[in-house]
């Protein structure tokens, strides 16, 4: 996924850039403390997927693509495709790998597959992600059109699915957002982001065939258990703060605000594609989606939503600091008004968001170290420090939530 409308496909779940020296939280709305400092101006979700030139298609196939076999699959499942096909890794997060596929007639699609190694089944389930996007297609939630899922690993070495390439802007870097959107469009984007989240949480899971996506109750308990298990599988060292936050969150789970809703799991500004007017054209990165508590989506959104007074940034660049973007408290109020849901337990889910982000990033670091994203990038070496800082921020947040 790239900024500026060239490759706005589908990025992977939150993987903040390697940090500079960690800084203490500073200023801003106490519902979402500032996150650790990261270098400004770089790709906030990490380096590109492996595989060479980011600007020209690779007919022979970059790492993770068997061009001949995948082309044969396209011929059968995407009849409008006109080989030969080119494959370009799309910059984005470092969980699943994403590629733009082009043909000689100017057609364009997006292919998603798991990383090259270090695969955790619950985090890299292509079938699940494909099913969710396909099911949401007829709803008011904007998602890319899906073309097909391949579960035959003899084709490409791992399952993959293909969806449409949606034109638009992925609002990731501060400089590009400042250039492409004025204050009015930034505010419109914020309200569209909230409105889209409310629309998602209003979808009846049973009506779209997603009622089996997760159990209808006990979301926080299930998520704490899942991510603690993920931590234990991916951890590269002991980090007591992660375990302590887990203990406190598990001991103080709030009542659910209503029936289980479809929860995105990684909802943030740079996981959508916007029109030039600031309207959400597509929501990306559904691999963490499940049934559960909607405030978890809002809490994580606030973790990423930096304000002008913040000295530390969770993604290394923070478009939401620009004029026109509302504050975190305004964003939360807009969600509360549009959804009708109480948000008095929001601090708990902000704390959960920091903790989950630390666990995810530890997994990214472990996969980087194992070579799952190729070689030649050393930014991941700073990830352990960032994980520790996120764990500390989670600890502060859980204390503020009264746990």
Protein backbone atom coordinates (compact mmCIF):
# COMPACT_ATOMS: atom_id res chain seq x y z
CA UNK A 1 0.00 0.00 0.00
CA UNK A 2 1.37 3.37 -0.94
CA UNK A 3 0.46 6.96 -0.44
CA UNK A 4 -0.68 9.28 -3.18
CA UNK A 5 -3.01 7.07 -5.18
CA UNK A 6 -0.41 4.97 -6.96
CA UNK A 7 -0.69 1.67 -5.09
CA UNK A 8 -3.43 1.99 -2.46
CA UNK A 9 -4.04 -1.68 -1.95
CA UNK A 10 -4.12 -3.51 1.34
CA UNK A 11 -1.52 -3.14 4.07
CA UNK A 12 -0.87 -5.48 6.97
CA UNK A 13 -1.61 -4.90 10.64
CA UNK A 14 0.05 -2.29 12.74
CA UNK A 15 3.79 -2.45 12.68
CA UNK A 16 5.23 0.90 13.69
CA UNK A 17 8.54 2.02 12.33
CA UNK A 18 11.70 1.42 14.26
CA UNK A 19 11.97 4.14 16.89
CA UNK A 20 14.51 6.74 17.64
CA UNK A 21 15.39 7.02 21.29
CA UNK A 22 12.15 6.53 23.26
CA UNK A 23 10.66 9.68 24.70
CA UNK A 24 8.36 10.14 27.63
CA UNK A 25 4.67 10.71 26.90
CA UNK A 26 3.78 14.34 26.57
CA UNK A 27 0.59 16.34 26.50
CA UNK A 28 -2.64 15.59 24.71
CA UNK A 29 -5.90 13.96 25.66
CA UNK A 30 -5.44 11.56 28.58
CA UNK A 31 -7.67 9.01 26.87
CA UNK A 32 -4.78 8.19 24.56
CA UNK A 33 -1.26 8.92 25.81
CA UNK A 34 1.46 9.66 23.36
CA UNK A 35 3.34 6.71 21.97
CA UNK A 36 7.06 6.19 21.53
CA UNK A 37 9.01 8.34 19.18
CA UNK A 38 9.80 7.02 15.73
CA UNK A 39 11.69 8.57 12.88
CA UNK A 40 9.62 11.05 10.94
CA UNK A 41 9.19 10.75 7.21
CA UNK A 42 9.74 7.02 6.76
CA UNK A 43 7.23 4.30 5.98
CA UNK A 44 5.34 3.98 9.29
CA UNK A 45 4.58 0.35 8.83
CA UNK A 46 8.04 -0.81 8.00
CA UNK A 47 9.98 -1.41 4.80
CA UNK A 48 8.54 -2.78 1.64
CA UNK A 49 7.71 -6.40 1.17
CA UNK A 50 10.73 -8.22 -0.22
CA UNK A 51 11.34 -8.61 -3.86
CA UNK A 52 13.18 -5.83 -5.63
CA UNK A 53 12.14 -2.75 -7.58
CA UNK A 54 9.07 -1.04 -6.15
CA UNK A 55 8.36 0.97 -9.31
CA UNK A 56 8.38 -1.61 -12.13
CA UNK A 57 6.49 -4.92 -12.39
CA UNK A 58 8.59 -8.04 -12.01
CA UNK A 59 7.45 -10.54 -14.62
CA UNK A 60 9.65 -13.25 -13.10
CA UNK A 61 8.02 -12.74 -9.73
CA UNK A 62 9.39 -11.12 -6.57
CA UNK A 63 10.00 -13.13 -3.41
CA UNK A 64 6.75 -14.80 -2.42
CA UNK A 65 5.37 -15.02 -5.98
CA UNK A 66 5.68 -17.95 -8.40
CA UNK A 67 4.86 -15.90 -11.47
CA UNK A 68 4.08 -18.73 -13.87
CA UNK A 69 1.74 -20.66 -11.58
CA UNK A 70 0.02 -17.53 -10.29
CA UNK A 71 -0.50 -16.34 -13.89
CA UNK A 72 -2.15 -19.67 -14.71
CA UNK A 73 -4.44 -19.21 -11.71
CA UNK A 74 -5.35 -15.70 -12.90
CA UNK A 75 -6.23 -16.99 -16.36
CA UNK A 76 -8.73 -19.40 -14.78
CA UNK A 77 -10.19 -17.15 -12.07
CA UNK A 78 -9.85 -13.60 -13.42
CA UNK A 79 -10.95 -13.94 -17.06
CA UNK A 80 -10.41 -10.26 -17.84
CA UNK A 81 -6.70 -10.52 -17.00
CA UNK A 82 -4.47 -10.39 -20.09
CA UNK A 83 -1.04 -12.02 -19.51
CA UNK A 84 1.83 -11.55 -19.17
CA UNK A 85 1.38 -10.30 -15.63
CA UNK A 86 3.71 -8.13 -13.58
CA UNK A 87 4.05 -8.28 -9.80
CA UNK A 88 5.10 -5.38 -7.59
CA UNK A 89 5.45 -5.66 -3.79
CA UNK A 90 3.35 -2.96 -2.13
CA UNK A 91 4.81 -1.04 0.75
CA UNK A 92 2.90 -1.48 3.96
CA UNK A 93 2.93 -3.39 7.22
CA UNK A 94 4.92 -6.53 7.85
CA UNK A 95 2.45 -9.23 8.71
CA UNK A 96 0.94 -10.48 5.46
CA UNK A 97 2.57 -9.65 2.13
CA UNK A 98 0.78 -7.57 -0.49
CA UNK A 99 1.47 -7.24 -4.22
CA UNK A 100 0.02 -5.19 -7.05
CA UNK A 101 -0.62 -7.33 -10.12
CA UNK A 102 -0.83 -5.70 -13.55
CA UNK A 103 -1.44 -7.00 -17.07
CA UNK A 104 -0.55 -5.78 -20.55
CA UNK A 105 -4.01 -4.25 -21.06
CA UNK A 106 -3.68 -1.93 -18.07
CA UNK A 107 -5.66 -4.07 -15.62
CA UNK A 108 -4.68 -3.95 -11.96
CA UNK A 109 -5.41 -6.19 -8.98
CA UNK A 110 -4.06 -6.83 -5.49
CA UNK A 111 -2.77 -10.18 -4.19
CA UNK A 112 -2.31 -11.03 -0.50
CA UNK A 113 -0.37 -13.95 0.98
CA UNK A 114 1.22 -14.87 4.34
CA UNK A 115 4.86 -14.01 5.15
CA UNK A 116 7.62 -16.26 3.87
CA UNK A 117 8.22 -17.87 7.28
CA UNK A 118 7.21 -17.57 10.92
CA UNK A 119 3.53 -18.00 10.05
CA UNK A 120 1.04 -18.02 12.93
CA UNK A 121 -2.21 -19.61 11.68
CA UNK A 122 -4.54 -17.23 13.53
CA UNK A 123 -2.67 -14.15 12.30
CA UNK A 124 -2.14 -15.14 8.66
CA UNK A 125 -5.38 -16.86 7.67
CA UNK A 126 -6.02 -15.84 4.05
CA UNK A 127 -9.31 -17.69 3.87
CA UNK A 128 -10.70 -15.83 6.83
CA UNK A 129 -9.65 -12.42 5.51
CA UNK A 130 -11.11 -13.20 2.07
CA UNK A 131 -14.38 -14.40 3.61
CA UNK A 132 -14.79 -11.23 5.66
CA UNK A 133 -14.18 -8.84 2.77
CA UNK A 134 -16.48 -10.82 0.48
CA UNK A 135 -19.26 -10.89 3.08
CA UNK A 136 -19.07 -7.14 3.68
CA UNK A 137 -19.24 -6.34 -0.04
CA UNK A 138 -23.05 -5.80 -0.13
CA UNK A 139 -23.10 -3.67 3.06
CA UNK A 140 -22.52 0.05 3.63
CA UNK A 141 -18.94 -0.72 4.66
CA UNK A 142 -16.67 0.08 1.68
CA UNK A 143 -14.35 -2.83 0.86
CA UNK A 144 -12.53 -3.98 -2.30
CA UNK A 145 -14.27 -6.47 -4.60
CA UNK A 146 -12.77 -9.95 -4.22
CA UNK A 147 -11.94 -12.19 -7.21
CA UNK A 148 -10.99 -15.46 -5.59
CA UNK A 149 -9.11 -17.44 -2.96
CA UNK A 150 -6.45 -20.05 -3.72
CA UNK A 151 -5.89 -22.63 -0.98
CA UNK A 152 -3.80 -24.98 -3.16
CA UNK A 153 -0.29 -24.37 -1.83
CA UNK A 154 1.29 -26.04 -4.86
CA UNK A 155 0.41 -22.89 -6.82
CA UNK A 156 2.33 -20.31 -4.79
CA UNK A 157 3.71 -22.07 -1.74
CA UNK A 158 0.98 -20.64 0.50
CA UNK A 159 -2.69 -19.62 0.27
CA UNK A 160 -3.47 -16.27 -1.33
CA UNK A 161 -6.43 -14.24 -2.47
CA UNK A 162 -6.99 -11.55 -5.09
CA UNK A 163 -9.07 -8.39 -4.87
CA UNK A 164 -9.59 -5.25 -6.89
CA UNK A 165 -7.13 -2.39 -6.85
CA UNK A 166 -9.02 0.64 -5.48
CA UNK A 167 -7.90 4.04 -6.71
CA UNK A 168 -7.45 6.70 -4.06
CA UNK A 169 -5.13 8.00 -1.40
CA UNK A 170 -3.81 6.11 1.61
CA UNK A 171 -3.31 8.92 4.18
CA UNK A 172 -0.10 7.68 5.77
CA UNK A 173 2.64 10.31 5.70
CA UNK A 174 2.17 13.80 7.10
CA UNK A 175 3.85 15.57 4.17
CA UNK A 176 1.70 13.91 1.51
CA UNK A 177 -1.53 14.41 3.47
CA UNK A 178 -0.69 18.08 3.92
CA UNK A 179 -0.19 18.40 0.17
CA UNK A 180 -3.22 16.39 -0.93
CA UNK A 181 -5.87 17.47 1.59
CA UNK A 182 -6.84 20.90 2.88
CA UNK A 183 -8.24 21.43 6.41
CA UNK A 184 -11.80 20.88 5.17
CA UNK A 185 -10.98 17.59 3.51
CA UNK A 186 -9.06 16.46 6.61
CA UNK A 187 -12.07 17.06 8.80
CA UNK A 188 -14.29 15.33 6.25
CA UNK A 189 -11.91 12.35 6.27
CA UNK A 190 -12.09 12.15 10.07
CA UNK A 191 -15.88 12.19 10.09
CA UNK A 192 -16.02 9.67 7.24
CA UNK A 193 -13.62 7.44 9.18
CA UNK A 194 -15.89 7.58 12.23
CA UNK A 195 -19.03 7.09 10.15
CA UNK A 196 -17.53 4.05 8.45
CA UNK A 197 -16.59 2.55 11.81
CA UNK A 198 -20.13 3.11 13.09
CA UNK A 199 -21.51 1.49 9.92
CA UNK A 200 -19.28 -1.54 10.48
CA UNK A 201 -20.40 -1.92 14.07
CA UNK A 202 -24.06 -1.76 12.96
CA UNK A 203 -23.76 -4.66 10.51
CA UNK A 204 -25.70 -7.69 11.72
CA UNK A 205 -23.10 -10.50 11.64
CA UNK A 206 -25.74 -13.16 10.99
CA UNK A 207 -27.24 -11.22 8.08
CA UNK A 208 -23.92 -11.34 6.19
CA UNK A 209 -22.92 -14.86 7.20
CA UNK A 210 -20.28 -13.80 9.72
CA UNK A 211 -22.02 -14.92 12.91
CA UNK A 212 -19.47 -17.74 13.21
CA UNK A 213 -16.52 -15.35 13.03
CA UNK A 214 -16.17 -15.52 16.80
CA UNK A 215 -18.14 -16.33 19.91
CA UNK A 216 -20.82 -13.73 20.66
CA UNK A 217 -19.65 -12.91 24.20
CA UNK A 218 -16.49 -12.64 26.25
CA UNK A 219 -14.57 -10.64 23.66
CA UNK A 220 -12.02 -9.04 25.99
CA UNK A 221 -11.31 -12.33 27.74
CA UNK A 222 -10.84 -14.12 24.39
CA UNK A 223 -8.62 -11.37 23.00
CA UNK A 224 -6.44 -11.27 26.11
CA UNK A 225 -6.02 -15.01 25.95
CA UNK A 226 -5.27 -14.96 22.21
CA UNK A 227 -2.68 -12.18 22.32
CA UNK A 228 -1.02 -13.54 25.43
CA UNK A 229 -0.66 -16.85 23.62
CA UNK A 230 0.73 -14.98 20.61
CA UNK A 231 3.19 -13.22 22.93
CA UNK A 232 4.34 -16.52 24.34
CA UNK A 233 4.85 -17.92 20.82
CA UNK A 234 6.73 -14.87 19.48
CA UNK A 235 8.54 -13.39 22.48
CA UNK A 236 12.30 -13.08 22.13
CA UNK A 237 12.97 -12.19 25.76
CA UNK A 238 11.27 -11.65 29.11
CA UNK A 239 9.37 -8.37 29.41
CA UNK A 240 7.55 -8.22 32.76
CA UNK A 241 5.45 -5.16 31.83
CA UNK A 242 3.67 -7.11 29.09
CA UNK A 243 2.68 -9.84 31.53
CA UNK A 244 1.68 -7.32 34.21
CA UNK A 245 -0.61 -5.40 31.86
CA UNK A 246 -2.18 -8.66 30.77
CA UNK A 247 -2.81 -9.58 34.40
CA UNK A 248 -4.46 -6.24 35.19
CA UNK A 249 -6.58 -6.17 32.05
CA UNK A 250 -7.75 -9.73 32.67
CA UNK A 251 -8.67 -8.90 36.27
CA UNK A 252 -10.70 -5.81 35.37
CA UNK A 253 -12.71 -6.61 32.24
CA UNK A 254 -15.64 -4.14 31.88
CA UNK A 255 -19.18 -5.06 30.95
CA UNK A 256 -19.80 -5.20 27.21
CA UNK A 257 -21.62 -2.19 25.75
CA UNK A 258 -24.10 -4.31 23.76
CA UNK A 259 -24.40 -7.34 21.49
CA UNK A 260 -21.21 -8.47 19.80
CA UNK A 261 -20.43 -6.53 16.65
CA UNK A 262 -18.00 -7.04 13.79
CA UNK A 263 -14.72 -5.55 15.06
CA UNK A 264 -12.02 -4.65 12.53
CA UNK A 265 -9.09 -5.14 14.92
CA UNK A 266 -6.66 -2.64 13.34
CA UNK A 267 -8.79 0.39 12.45
CA UNK A 268 -6.73 3.51 11.80
CA UNK A 269 -6.35 6.35 9.32
CA UNK A 270 -3.75 4.67 7.10
CA UNK A 271 -5.76 1.46 6.81
CA UNK A 272 -8.31 3.13 4.54
CA UNK A 273 -8.30 4.52 1.01
CA UNK A 274 -9.71 8.03 0.68
CA UNK A 275 -11.13 10.00 -2.20
CA UNK A 276 -9.64 13.48 -2.86
CA UNK A 277 -12.66 14.90 -1.00
CA UNK A 278 -11.80 12.83 2.09
CA UNK A 279 -14.46 10.13 1.81
CA UNK A 280 -13.54 6.54 2.69
CA UNK A 281 -13.50 4.43 -0.49
CA UNK A 282 -12.23 1.19 1.04
CA UNK A 283 -11.26 -0.22 4.42
CA UNK A 284 -8.17 -2.44 4.34
CA UNK A 285 -6.43 -5.05 6.51
CA UNK A 286 -9.15 -7.32 7.84
CA UNK A 287 -6.94 -10.12 9.12
CA UNK A 288 -7.58 -9.26 12.80
CA UNK A 289 -11.35 -8.94 12.37
CA UNK A 290 -13.63 -10.86 14.73
CA UNK A 291 -16.86 -10.49 16.70
CA UNK A 292 -16.61 -8.45 19.86
CA UNK A 293 -16.64 -5.12 21.66
CA UNK A 294 -16.74 -2.07 19.33
CA UNK A 295 -14.86 0.11 21.83
CA UNK A 296 -11.75 -1.96 21.09
CA UNK A 297 -11.70 -0.47 17.57
CA UNK A 298 -12.20 3.04 18.90
CA UNK A 299 -9.55 2.61 21.60
CA UNK A 300 -6.91 1.48 19.10
CA UNK A 301 -7.86 4.31 16.73
CA UNK A 302 -7.14 6.76 19.54
CA UNK A 303 -3.79 5.10 20.25
CA UNK A 304 -2.73 6.04 16.72
CA UNK A 305 -4.46 9.45 16.59
CA UNK A 306 -1.69 11.93 17.45
CA UNK A 307 -2.33 15.57 18.33
CA UNK A 308 -0.21 18.71 17.72
CA UNK A 309 1.06 18.80 21.32
CA UNK A 310 2.27 15.19 21.28
CA UNK A 311 6.04 14.80 21.26
CA UNK A 312 6.00 11.07 20.59
CA UNK A 313 4.30 9.32 17.68
CA UNK A 314 3.20 5.69 17.31
CA UNK A 315 3.81 5.49 13.55
CA UNK A 316 6.74 7.81 12.98
CA UNK A 317 4.59 10.27 11.03
CA UNK A 318 1.31 11.76 12.19
CA UNK A 319 -1.04 13.36 9.64
CA UNK A 320 -3.64 13.84 12.38
CA UNK A 321 -1.52 16.64 13.87
CA UNK A 322 -2.33 18.82 10.83
CA UNK A 323 -4.98 21.56 10.99
CA UNK A 324 -8.44 20.24 10.26
CA UNK A 325 -8.11 16.91 12.04
CA UNK A 326 -10.16 16.83 15.26
CA UNK A 327 -8.73 15.99 18.68
CA UNK A 328 -8.96 12.51 20.18
CA UNK A 329 -11.71 13.64 22.53
CA UNK A 330 -13.67 15.11 19.60
CA UNK A 331 -13.23 11.88 17.66
CA UNK A 332 -14.50 9.82 20.60
CA UNK A 333 -17.46 12.18 21.06
CA UNK A 334 -18.34 11.93 17.37
CA UNK A 335 -18.35 8.14 17.60
CA UNK A 336 -20.47 8.19 20.75
CA UNK A 337 -23.03 10.51 19.17
CA UNK A 338 -23.25 8.62 15.88
CA UNK A 339 -23.34 5.15 17.42
CA UNK A 340 -25.32 5.80 20.58
CA UNK A 341 -22.88 3.63 22.51
CA UNK A 342 -21.51 4.62 25.92
CA UNK A 343 -17.76 5.30 25.93
CA UNK A 344 -17.12 5.54 29.68
CA UNK A 345 -14.89 2.44 29.57
CA UNK A 346 -12.83 3.71 26.64
CA UNK A 347 -9.63 4.09 28.70
CA UNK A 348 -9.59 0.33 29.28
CA UNK A 349 -9.56 -0.30 25.54
CA UNK A 350 -6.89 2.34 24.95
CA UNK A 351 -4.71 0.40 27.40
CA UNK A 352 -5.59 -2.83 25.61
CA UNK A 353 -4.64 -1.19 22.30
CA UNK A 354 -1.14 -0.31 23.52
CA UNK A 355 -0.65 -3.79 24.93
CA UNK A 356 -1.85 -5.52 21.75
CA UNK A 357 0.37 -3.29 19.64
CA UNK A 358 3.39 -4.31 21.71
CA UNK A 359 2.55 -7.99 21.18
CA UNK A 360 2.06 -7.53 17.43
CA UNK A 361 5.35 -5.69 17.04
CA UNK A 362 7.21 -8.39 18.97
CA UNK A 363 5.86 -10.87 16.44
CA UNK A 364 6.98 -8.65 13.57
CA UNK A 365 10.46 -8.45 15.10
CA UNK A 366 10.62 -12.22 15.54
CA UNK A 367 9.61 -12.81 11.91
CA UNK A 368 12.07 -10.19 10.67
CA UNK A 369 14.87 -11.86 12.63
CA UNK A 370 13.87 -15.22 11.15
CA UNK A 371 14.07 -13.86 7.60
CA UNK A 372 10.33 -13.91 6.87
CA UNK A 373 10.54 -10.56 5.05
CA UNK A 374 13.77 -11.13 3.19
CA UNK A 375 17.14 -9.61 3.94
CA UNK A 376 18.83 -6.25 3.62
CA UNK A 377 16.74 -4.24 6.09
CA UNK A 378 18.09 -3.62 9.58
CA UNK A 379 15.38 -1.29 10.93
CA UNK A 380 13.83 -4.21 12.80
CA UNK A 381 16.81 -4.26 15.16
CA UNK A 382 15.28 -1.31 17.02
CA UNK A 383 11.90 -3.01 17.44
CA UNK A 384 12.65 -4.59 20.85
CA UNK A 385 13.14 -1.13 22.35
CA UNK A 386 9.84 0.03 20.89
CA UNK A 387 8.03 -3.03 22.20
CA UNK A 388 9.31 -2.26 25.70
CA UNK A 389 8.17 1.36 25.40
CA UNK A 390 4.70 0.35 24.22
CA UNK A 391 4.45 -2.04 27.16
CA UNK A 392 5.28 0.82 29.53
CA UNK A 393 2.65 3.04 27.91
CA UNK A 394 0.12 0.23 28.25
CA UNK A 395 0.97 0.00 31.94
CA UNK A 396 0.39 3.75 32.42
CA UNK A 397 -2.87 3.55 30.50
CA UNK A 398 -4.21 0.59 32.47
CA UNK A 399 -3.49 2.48 35.70
CA UNK A 400 -5.40 5.48 34.36
CA UNK A 401 -8.30 3.13 33.58
CA UNK A 402 -8.38 2.20 37.25
CA UNK A 403 -7.08 -1.35 36.86
